């Protein structure tokens, strides 16, 4: 299955089920993009049984790749992120 922001914006109902599901926002920050503000990213997640397994966010203008996987931590450009 796939859930994308553009399909829900078109009026489709967003329903997360137990099926393996890709959750995609190809232009996360669409309003910023339209107004040429630099905060724009590509966001992708994958869920199984309604639980997010991993996610990837690529911040285009800053060339930062954020990744996270359940139980394995989060990273920015392969550097582990720490919480305070």
Protein backbone atom coordinates (compact mmCIF):
# COMPACT_ATOMS: atom_id res chain seq x y z
CA UNK A 1 0.00 0.00 0.00
CA UNK A 2 0.91 3.64 -0.45
CA UNK A 3 -0.20 6.80 1.33
CA UNK A 4 0.89 10.09 -0.21
CA UNK A 5 0.07 13.67 0.73
CA UNK A 6 -1.04 14.46 -2.79
CA UNK A 7 -3.68 11.71 -2.77
CA UNK A 8 -5.16 12.91 0.52
CA UNK A 9 -5.11 16.51 -0.72
CA UNK A 10 -7.21 15.34 -3.67
CA UNK A 11 -9.88 14.12 -1.25
CA UNK A 12 -8.93 10.47 -0.77
CA UNK A 13 -9.29 9.23 2.79
CA UNK A 14 -6.03 8.27 4.50
CA UNK A 15 -6.41 4.90 6.23
CA UNK A 16 -3.42 3.17 7.79
CA UNK A 17 -3.98 -0.59 8.01
CA UNK A 18 -1.86 -3.52 9.21
CA UNK A 19 -0.63 -4.06 5.62
CA UNK A 20 2.93 -3.00 4.80
CA UNK A 21 2.55 0.65 3.75
CA UNK A 22 4.84 3.27 2.24
CA UNK A 23 4.08 6.79 3.45
CA UNK A 24 5.50 9.37 1.05
CA UNK A 25 5.60 13.14 0.83
CA UNK A 26 7.76 13.97 -2.21
CA UNK A 27 7.76 17.71 -1.50
CA UNK A 28 7.43 18.11 2.27
CA UNK A 29 7.11 21.86 2.64
CA UNK A 30 5.17 22.49 -0.56
CA UNK A 31 4.17 26.01 0.54
CA UNK A 32 7.82 26.80 1.32
CA UNK A 33 8.82 25.44 -2.09
CA UNK A 34 6.23 27.57 -3.90
CA UNK A 35 7.43 30.69 -2.07
CA UNK A 36 11.12 29.77 -2.55
CA UNK A 37 11.83 29.31 1.16
CA UNK A 38 14.73 26.87 1.63
CA UNK A 39 13.05 24.46 4.05
CA UNK A 40 11.96 21.67 1.72
CA UNK A 41 12.44 17.93 2.13
CA UNK A 42 11.51 14.55 0.72
CA UNK A 43 9.94 12.37 3.42
CA UNK A 44 9.47 8.59 3.20
CA UNK A 45 8.31 6.18 5.86
CA UNK A 46 7.43 2.49 5.96
CA UNK A 47 4.88 1.03 8.37
CA UNK A 48 3.82 -2.55 9.14
CA UNK A 49 0.96 -3.41 11.50
CA UNK A 50 0.38 0.36 11.95
CA UNK A 51 3.91 0.76 13.40
CA UNK A 52 6.57 2.83 11.69
CA UNK A 53 9.57 0.61 10.91
CA UNK A 54 11.85 3.21 9.36
CA UNK A 55 11.87 6.70 7.95
CA UNK A 56 14.06 8.76 5.67
CA UNK A 57 14.04 12.53 5.25
CA UNK A 58 16.26 14.30 2.75
CA UNK A 59 16.60 18.04 3.35
CA UNK A 60 17.32 19.11 -0.22
CA UNK A 61 18.87 22.54 0.19
CA UNK A 62 21.10 21.56 3.12
CA UNK A 63 22.02 18.16 1.67
CA UNK A 64 21.19 16.39 4.93
CA UNK A 65 19.91 12.83 4.96
CA UNK A 66 18.09 11.85 8.15
CA UNK A 67 17.38 8.18 8.72
CA UNK A 68 15.83 6.26 11.56
CA UNK A 69 14.88 2.66 12.16
CA UNK A 70 12.86 1.32 15.03
CA UNK A 71 15.19 0.04 17.72
CA UNK A 72 18.34 1.17 15.90
CA UNK A 73 18.44 4.92 16.45
CA UNK A 74 18.48 7.93 14.18
CA UNK A 75 21.23 9.42 12.04
CA UNK A 76 22.04 12.55 10.06
CA UNK A 77 24.42 11.90 7.16
CA UNK A 78 25.48 8.64 8.88
CA UNK A 79 26.27 10.40 12.19
CA UNK A 80 24.23 9.07 15.10
CA UNK A 81 21.86 11.63 16.61
CA UNK A 82 21.75 11.97 20.40
CA UNK A 83 19.02 13.41 22.57
CA UNK A 84 19.78 15.67 25.52
